Amino acid sequence: MKPGNVTILIVDDDQDYLFQLQSKIQKFGFETITADSQKEAEELIEKIKPDLAILDLMMENEDSGFILCYKMKKKYPDVPIIIATGVMAETGINFDINDENNRKWIKADCFLDKGIRTERLKEEIDKLLMKSKT
């Protein structure tokens, strides 16, 4: 799959972070669509099916990212989702998506701490896109 043929949805209520992440992903060669709230993202996914989504965890509500993730997986089960969050650094809470109990309610494919290095972001995106196409 060529990067130019891939659309990545980025959702974050922090405008600066949203812009930075969008810039990085466009430099990788991917198309991007953005939303700055759970509500706006829900409206977008009614019209557009992204190839991958990167969601903030805490937006309008503390669990906006989880709710959006759940709704996306229900509508598009094959779309990989990364949750990029600063919640672990802020609260000390760690969400282990490899834990069977957590997998029942956390529908994300990957958790990344905000401040992620560019190379790691590209690596995770490529890995998830490759996995979704097999």
Protein backbone atom coordinates (compact mmCIF):
# COMPACT_ATOMS: atom_id res chain seq x y z
CA MET A 1 0.00 0.00 0.00
CA LYS A 2 1.49 3.32 -1.08
CA PRO A 3 1.44 6.15 1.49
CA GLY A 4 -0.38 8.56 -0.88
CA ASN A 5 -3.29 6.14 -1.09
CA VAL A 6 -3.70 6.01 2.69
CA THR A 7 -5.88 8.38 4.70
CA ILE A 8 -5.24 8.78 8.41
CA LEU A 9 -7.79 10.36 10.74
CA ILE A 10 -6.23 12.36 13.58
CA VAL A 11 -8.43 13.48 16.48
CA ASP A 12 -7.15 15.69 19.30
CA ASP A 13 -8.56 18.71 21.12
CA ASP A 14 -5.09 20.27 21.48
CA GLN A 15 -4.77 22.34 18.29
CA ASP A 16 -0.97 22.58 18.51
CA TYR A 17 -0.52 18.82 18.95
CA LEU A 18 -3.06 18.15 16.19
CA PHE A 19 -1.12 20.38 13.79
CA GLN A 20 2.25 18.84 14.73
CA LEU A 21 0.97 15.30 14.32
CA GLN A 22 -0.71 16.15 11.02
CA SER A 23 2.54 17.69 9.72
CA LYS A 24 4.56 14.59 10.69
CA ILE A 25 2.10 12.22 9.07
CA GLN A 26 1.89 14.25 5.88
CA LYS A 27 5.72 14.20 5.69
CA PHE A 28 5.45 10.40 5.78
CA GLY A 29 3.39 10.75 2.57
CA PHE A 30 -0.05 9.96 4.00
CA GLU A 31 -3.25 11.93 3.45
CA THR A 32 -4.81 13.26 6.66
CA ILE A 33 -8.18 14.34 7.90
CA THR A 34 -8.50 15.95 11.31
CA ALA A 35 -11.07 16.61 13.98
CA ASP A 36 -10.67 18.46 17.25
CA SER A 37 -13.44 16.70 19.17
CA GLN A 38 -15.15 13.35 19.56
CA LYS A 39 -18.35 14.86 18.12
CA GLU A 40 -16.62 16.21 15.00
CA ALA A 41 -14.83 12.88 14.48
CA GLU A 42 -18.10 10.95 14.75
CA GLU A 43 -19.58 13.18 12.03
CA LEU A 44 -16.53 12.58 9.82
CA ILE A 45 -16.60 8.79 10.13
CA GLU A 46 -20.22 8.78 8.98
CA LYS A 47 -18.96 10.07 5.61
CA ILE A 48 -15.38 8.81 5.40
CA LYS A 49 -13.67 5.52 6.20
CA PRO A 50 -10.05 6.22 7.12
CA ASP A 51 -7.35 3.60 6.68
CA LEU A 52 -6.08 4.26 10.22
CA ALA A 53 -7.03 6.56 13.10
CA ILE A 54 -4.97 8.26 15.80
CA LEU A 55 -7.11 9.40 18.71
CA ASP A 56 -6.48 11.43 21.83
CA LEU A 57 -7.92 9.79 24.94
CA MET A 58 -9.17 12.79 26.91
CA MET A 59 -11.12 15.37 24.89
CA GLU A 60 -14.64 16.58 25.77
CA ASN A 61 -14.75 13.87 28.42
CA GLU A 62 -12.07 11.81 30.15
CA ASP A 63 -13.05 8.78 28.07
CA SER A 64 -13.83 10.44 24.70
CA GLY A 65 -11.07 8.49 22.97
CA PHE A 66 -12.34 5.15 24.27
CA ILE A 67 -15.91 5.98 23.19
CA LEU A 68 -14.81 7.12 19.74
CA CYS A 69 -12.60 4.05 19.40
CA TYR A 70 -15.52 1.78 20.30
CA LYS A 71 -17.82 3.48 17.78
CA MET A 72 -15.20 3.34 15.03
CA LYS A 73 -14.49 -0.36 15.59
CA LYS A 74 -18.23 -1.07 15.53
CA LYS A 75 -18.59 0.73 12.18
CA TYR A 76 -15.19 -0.20 10.69
CA PRO A 77 -13.78 -3.25 12.53
CA ASP A 78 -10.81 -3.49 10.14
CA VAL A 79 -9.52 0.07 10.70
CA PRO A 80 -6.51 0.09 13.04
CA ILE A 81 -6.64 2.63 15.86
CA ILE A 82 -3.81 4.20 17.83
CA ILE A 83 -4.61 6.05 21.02
CA ALA A 84 -1.99 8.73 21.63
CA THR A 85 -2.29 10.07 25.14
CA GLY A 86 -0.54 11.87 27.92
CA VAL A 87 -2.79 10.23 30.54
CA MET A 88 -0.15 7.75 31.69
CA ALA A 89 2.32 10.53 32.49
CA GLU A 90 -0.39 12.68 34.10
CA THR A 91 -2.16 10.02 36.18
CA GLY A 92 0.15 7.02 36.37
CA ILE A 93 -2.63 4.87 34.94
CA ASN A 94 -1.34 2.37 32.41
CA PHE A 95 -3.68 0.72 29.91
CA ASP A 96 -2.30 -2.65 28.85
CA ILE A 97 -4.11 -3.68 25.69
CA ASN A 98 -2.41 -7.07 25.84
CA ASP A 99 -4.29 -7.86 29.06
CA GLU A 100 -7.34 -10.03 28.26
CA ASN A 101 -9.69 -8.10 30.58
CA ASN A 102 -8.67 -4.76 29.06
CA ARG A 103 -9.08 -6.09 25.50
CA LYS A 104 -12.77 -6.64 26.23
CA TRP A 105 -13.40 -2.90 26.57
CA ILE A 106 -10.37 -1.19 25.04
CA LYS A 107 -10.74 -1.52 21.30
CA ALA A 108 -7.51 0.29 20.33
CA ASP A 109 -4.79 -1.59 18.49
CA CYS A 110 -1.95 0.45 20.01
CA PHE A 111 -1.32 2.92 22.85
CA LEU A 112 1.41 5.54 22.46
CA ASP A 113 2.49 8.15 24.98
CA LYS A 114 2.36 11.68 23.64
CA GLY A 115 5.77 13.01 22.84
CA ILE A 116 6.36 9.93 20.68
CA ARG A 117 9.46 9.98 18.53
CA THR A 118 8.81 10.41 14.81
CA GLU A 119 10.51 7.12 13.89
CA ARG A 120 8.40 5.16 16.37
CA LEU A 121 5.20 6.75 15.09
CA LYS A 122 6.06 5.83 11.50
CA GLU A 123 6.99 2.30 12.56
CA GLU A 124 3.66 1.76 14.40
CA ILE A 125 1.61 3.20 11.53
CA ASP A 126 3.38 1.00 8.97
CA LYS A 127 3.03 -2.09 11.17
CA LEU A 128 -0.71 -1.55 11.74
CA LEU A 129 -1.43 -0.76 8.09
CA MET A 130 0.43 -3.87 6.95
CA LYS A 131 -1.40 -5.99 9.51
CA SER A 132 -4.82 -4.60 8.47
CA LYS A 133 -4.20 -5.54 4.84
CA THR A 134 -3.41 -9.19 5.55
